[in-house]
Amino acid sequence: LFKWGLTSASFYVIGGCLILLFLRALAVPAPVKVVVGEVANASMFIYLSHYQMISIVTKLFGEPRPWIALTTSIIVGVMITRLYGFCARKFTQAFDRSRTRAARLG
């Protein structure tokens, strides 16, 4: 940590670790819980799509815009998560219907 010098990112990491270690609970408003829950739920798809978003934002603006890339990565990750959940529900419903139909016939 100190080899490369303290940066703002390292202060965020240290602060987050201290909060996890020393606070038993952190009260947040209900809307914040919803947003944090959505982002946490979509974290895998955010991770999988963030390089593509960085590339698209760089091509659109002709230069790197990290805050726009971050925002689009989160939005696209949440959208992909919702789409994945929808498709998974439809697949499960279709599978259950076919299984029920096969049980009635056989």
Protein backbone atom coordinates (compact mmCIF):
# COMPACT_ATOMS: atom_id res chain seq x y z
CA LEU A 1 0.00 0.00 0.00
CA PHE A 2 2.70 2.48 0.94
CA LYS A 3 5.11 1.29 -1.76
CA TRP A 4 3.12 3.09 -4.46
CA GLY A 5 2.01 5.98 -2.27
CA LEU A 6 -1.38 6.79 -0.83
CA THR A 7 -3.96 7.56 -3.47
CA SER A 8 -7.61 8.43 -3.14
CA ALA A 9 -8.48 4.84 -4.05
CA SER A 10 -6.41 3.48 -1.18
CA PHE A 11 -8.18 5.85 1.22
CA TYR A 12 -11.53 4.45 0.05
CA VAL A 13 -10.31 0.89 0.58
CA ILE A 14 -8.90 1.68 4.03
CA GLY A 15 -12.08 3.55 4.98
CA GLY A 16 -14.29 0.68 3.81
CA CYS A 17 -12.22 -1.84 5.76
CA LEU A 18 -12.42 0.28 8.89
CA ILE A 19 -16.19 0.59 8.54
CA LEU A 20 -16.50 -3.18 8.16
CA LEU A 21 -14.29 -3.80 11.18
CA PHE A 22 -15.64 -1.30 13.66
CA LEU A 23 -19.32 -0.65 12.84
CA ARG A 24 -21.89 -3.23 13.80
CA ALA A 25 -24.62 -1.75 11.63
CA LEU A 26 -24.97 1.13 9.25
CA ALA A 27 -28.45 2.61 8.87
CA VAL A 28 -29.29 3.74 5.36
CA PRO A 29 -32.56 4.95 3.85
CA ALA A 30 -34.74 2.40 2.06
CA PRO A 31 -34.18 3.86 -1.46
CA VAL A 32 -30.42 3.57 -0.95
CA LYS A 33 -30.84 -0.08 0.03
CA VAL A 34 -32.74 -0.74 -3.19
CA VAL A 35 -30.05 0.88 -5.36
CA VAL A 36 -27.19 -0.84 -3.52
CA GLY A 37 -29.03 -4.16 -3.78
CA GLU A 38 -29.54 -3.76 -7.52
CA VAL A 39 -25.89 -2.91 -8.10
CA ALA A 40 -24.72 -5.76 -5.86
CA ASN A 41 -27.02 -8.18 -7.67
CA ALA A 42 -25.70 -7.02 -11.04
CA SER A 43 -22.03 -7.01 -10.05
CA MET A 44 -21.09 -10.03 -12.18
CA PHE A 45 -22.64 -8.55 -15.32
CA ILE A 46 -21.15 -5.13 -14.54
CA TYR A 47 -17.75 -6.80 -14.36
CA LEU A 48 -18.33 -8.74 -17.59
CA SER A 49 -19.48 -5.68 -19.56
CA HIS A 50 -17.25 -2.89 -18.24
CA TYR A 51 -14.43 -3.32 -20.77
CA GLN A 52 -16.93 -3.12 -23.62
CA MET A 53 -18.44 0.03 -22.11
CA ILE A 54 -15.00 1.62 -21.74
CA SER A 55 -14.30 0.85 -25.40
CA ILE A 56 -17.67 2.18 -26.60
CA VAL A 57 -17.39 5.40 -24.55
CA THR A 58 -13.83 5.99 -25.78
CA LYS A 59 -14.92 5.51 -29.40
CA LEU A 60 -17.96 7.78 -28.99
CA PHE A 61 -16.09 10.66 -27.34
CA GLY A 62 -12.66 10.17 -28.89
CA GLU A 63 -11.03 10.11 -25.46
CA PRO A 64 -11.44 8.17 -22.22
CA ARG A 65 -14.29 9.39 -20.02
CA PRO A 66 -14.08 7.19 -16.91
CA TRP A 67 -17.19 8.53 -15.13
CA ILE A 68 -19.38 8.04 -18.18
CA ALA A 69 -17.92 4.56 -18.70
CA LEU A 70 -18.59 3.72 -15.04
CA THR A 71 -22.17 4.95 -15.23
CA THR A 72 -22.91 3.11 -18.47
CA SER A 73 -21.29 -0.06 -17.11
CA ILE A 74 -23.58 -0.02 -14.08
CA ILE A 75 -26.69 0.71 -16.15
CA VAL A 76 -25.89 -1.95 -18.76
CA GLY A 77 -24.96 -4.48 -16.05
CA VAL A 78 -28.30 -3.95 -14.29
CA MET A 79 -30.16 -4.25 -17.62
CA ILE A 80 -28.36 -7.50 -18.50
CA THR A 81 -29.12 -8.86 -15.02
CA ARG A 82 -32.82 -8.08 -15.46
CA LEU A 83 -32.82 -9.71 -18.92
CA TYR A 84 -31.04 -12.78 -17.56
CA GLY A 85 -33.58 -13.09 -14.73
CA PHE A 86 -36.48 -12.76 -17.18
CA CYS A 87 -35.05 -15.43 -19.49
CA ALA A 88 -34.31 -17.75 -16.58
CA ARG A 89 -37.89 -17.43 -15.29
CA LYS A 90 -39.35 -18.13 -18.75
CA PHE A 91 -37.08 -21.14 -19.23
CA THR A 92 -38.00 -22.51 -15.80
CA GLN A 93 -41.73 -22.01 -16.46
CA ALA A 94 -41.48 -23.77 -19.83
CA PHE A 95 -39.48 -26.63 -18.31
CA ASP A 96 -41.99 -27.04 -15.47
CA ARG A 97 -44.92 -27.03 -17.91
CA SER A 98 -43.32 -29.70 -20.10
CA ARG A 99 -42.50 -31.81 -17.06
CA THR A 100 -46.05 -31.52 -15.75
CA ARG A 101 -47.46 -32.39 -19.19
CA ALA A 102 -45.18 -35.43 -19.44
CA ALA A 103 -46.23 -36.61 -15.98
CA ARG A 104 -49.91 -36.39 -16.94
CA LEU A 105 -49.35 -38.35 -20.14
CA GLY A 106 -47.09 -40.95 -18.81
